[in-house]
Amino acid sequence: MNVLDVAAAVCLLAGAALALTAGWGMVRFRTTLDRMHVATKPQVLCVLLVLLAMWLRQPTWATAGPLLIVAVAQIITVSVAAYVVARADYRRSDAGGGSS
């Protein structure tokens, strides 16, 4: 094992730990906004760490391109999804439904 393999393993384990904490937070938190926060913040970093680990295993430009596209798409779509969920919860709470 070389240094890149160790770095990839550390990134993969850190990403898995973040995914585990995000799942635990989804079970533990009660309100929609709290769940939205815990589902988006660690999840983006988790995916980025896993993508970095994939690149560290094969550090070439051929693998960097698709991984970079996935990373940018992940960052954009997670923020848009969080906004849509927050807006839907806010509109529902204004209608008298309350936040669940």
Protein backbone atom coordinates (compact mmCIF):
# COMPACT_ATOMS: atom_id res chain seq x y z
CA MET A 1 0.00 0.00 0.00
CA ASN A 2 1.25 3.42 -0.87
CA VAL A 3 0.34 6.84 0.51
CA LEU A 4 -2.51 7.36 -1.97
CA ASP A 5 -4.15 4.09 -0.95
CA VAL A 6 -4.02 5.09 2.72
CA ALA A 7 -5.43 8.55 1.91
CA ALA A 8 -8.22 6.95 -0.14
CA ALA A 9 -9.05 4.60 2.73
CA VAL A 10 -9.17 7.49 5.20
CA CYS A 11 -11.46 9.50 2.89
CA LEU A 12 -13.72 6.49 2.38
CA LEU A 13 -13.98 5.79 6.11
CA ALA A 14 -14.63 9.46 6.89
CA GLY A 15 -17.35 9.55 4.22
CA ALA A 16 -18.94 6.41 5.63
CA ALA A 17 -18.86 7.88 9.13
CA LEU A 18 -20.59 11.03 7.90
CA ALA A 19 -23.25 8.95 6.13
CA LEU A 20 -23.82 7.05 9.37
CA THR A 21 -24.20 10.23 11.39
CA ALA A 22 -26.61 11.65 8.80
CA GLY A 23 -28.74 8.52 9.01
CA TRP A 24 -28.68 8.62 12.78
CA GLY A 25 -29.71 12.29 12.71
CA MET A 26 -32.62 11.52 10.38
CA VAL A 27 -33.94 9.07 12.94
CA ARG A 28 -33.24 11.28 15.95
CA PHE A 29 -34.50 14.68 14.81
CA ARG A 30 -38.22 15.35 14.74
CA THR A 31 -38.96 18.46 12.68
CA THR A 32 -38.75 18.69 8.92
CA LEU A 33 -36.22 21.52 8.94
CA ASP A 34 -33.93 19.68 11.36
CA ARG A 35 -34.12 16.53 9.23
CA MET A 36 -33.50 18.55 6.08
CA HIS A 37 -30.37 20.05 7.61
CA VAL A 38 -28.96 16.73 8.77
CA ALA A 39 -29.79 15.07 5.46
CA THR A 40 -28.03 17.66 3.31
CA LYS A 41 -24.99 18.98 5.15
CA PRO A 42 -23.11 15.78 6.00
CA GLN A 43 -24.38 14.04 2.89
CA VAL A 44 -22.65 16.45 0.51
CA LEU A 45 -19.35 16.15 2.34
CA CYS A 46 -19.79 12.37 2.46
CA VAL A 47 -20.22 12.14 -1.31
CA LEU A 48 -17.31 14.50 -1.92
CA LEU A 49 -15.05 12.40 0.31
CA VAL A 50 -16.06 9.22 -1.49
CA LEU A 51 -15.42 10.88 -4.86
CA LEU A 52 -12.03 12.04 -3.62
CA ALA A 53 -11.24 8.51 -2.50
CA MET A 54 -12.19 7.24 -5.96
CA TRP A 55 -9.88 9.76 -7.57
CA LEU A 56 -7.03 8.91 -5.19
CA ARG A 57 -7.26 5.28 -6.28
CA GLN A 58 -6.88 6.30 -9.97
CA PRO A 59 -5.43 9.83 -10.06
CA THR A 60 -5.80 10.56 -13.76
CA TRP A 61 -7.53 13.28 -15.69
CA ALA A 62 -9.80 10.67 -17.26
CA THR A 63 -11.30 9.85 -13.87
CA ALA A 64 -11.17 13.43 -12.55
CA GLY A 65 -13.55 14.79 -15.20
CA PRO A 66 -16.59 12.62 -14.51
CA LEU A 67 -15.99 12.78 -10.75
CA LEU A 68 -15.88 16.56 -10.90
CA ILE A 69 -19.15 16.65 -12.85
CA VAL A 70 -20.79 14.41 -10.25
CA ALA A 71 -19.46 16.59 -7.41
CA VAL A 72 -20.78 19.82 -8.93
CA ALA A 73 -24.14 18.24 -9.73
CA GLN A 74 -24.38 16.93 -6.17
CA ILE A 75 -23.67 20.33 -4.65
CA ILE A 76 -26.23 22.06 -6.86
CA THR A 77 -29.04 19.51 -6.57
CA VAL A 78 -28.76 19.08 -2.80
CA SER A 79 -29.03 22.81 -2.18
CA VAL A 80 -32.02 23.11 -4.52
CA ALA A 81 -33.72 20.10 -2.92
CA ALA A 82 -33.17 21.53 0.57
CA TYR A 83 -34.68 24.84 -0.54
CA VAL A 84 -37.74 23.11 -2.02
CA VAL A 85 -38.31 21.04 1.13
CA ALA A 86 -37.92 24.09 3.38
CA ARG A 87 -40.32 26.12 1.24
CA ALA A 88 -42.92 23.33 1.24
CA ASP A 89 -42.68 23.00 5.01
CA TYR A 90 -42.97 26.75 5.47
CA ARG A 91 -46.05 26.93 3.24
CA ARG A 92 -47.62 24.00 5.05
CA SER A 93 -47.00 25.58 8.46
CA ASP A 94 -48.56 28.85 7.22
CA ALA A 95 -51.67 26.91 6.21
CA GLY A 96 -52.14 25.81 9.80
CA GLY A 97 -50.67 22.33 9.48
CA GLY A 98 -47.69 22.94 11.74
CA SER A 99 -44.27 21.48 11.32
CA SER A 100 -43.87 17.74 11.77
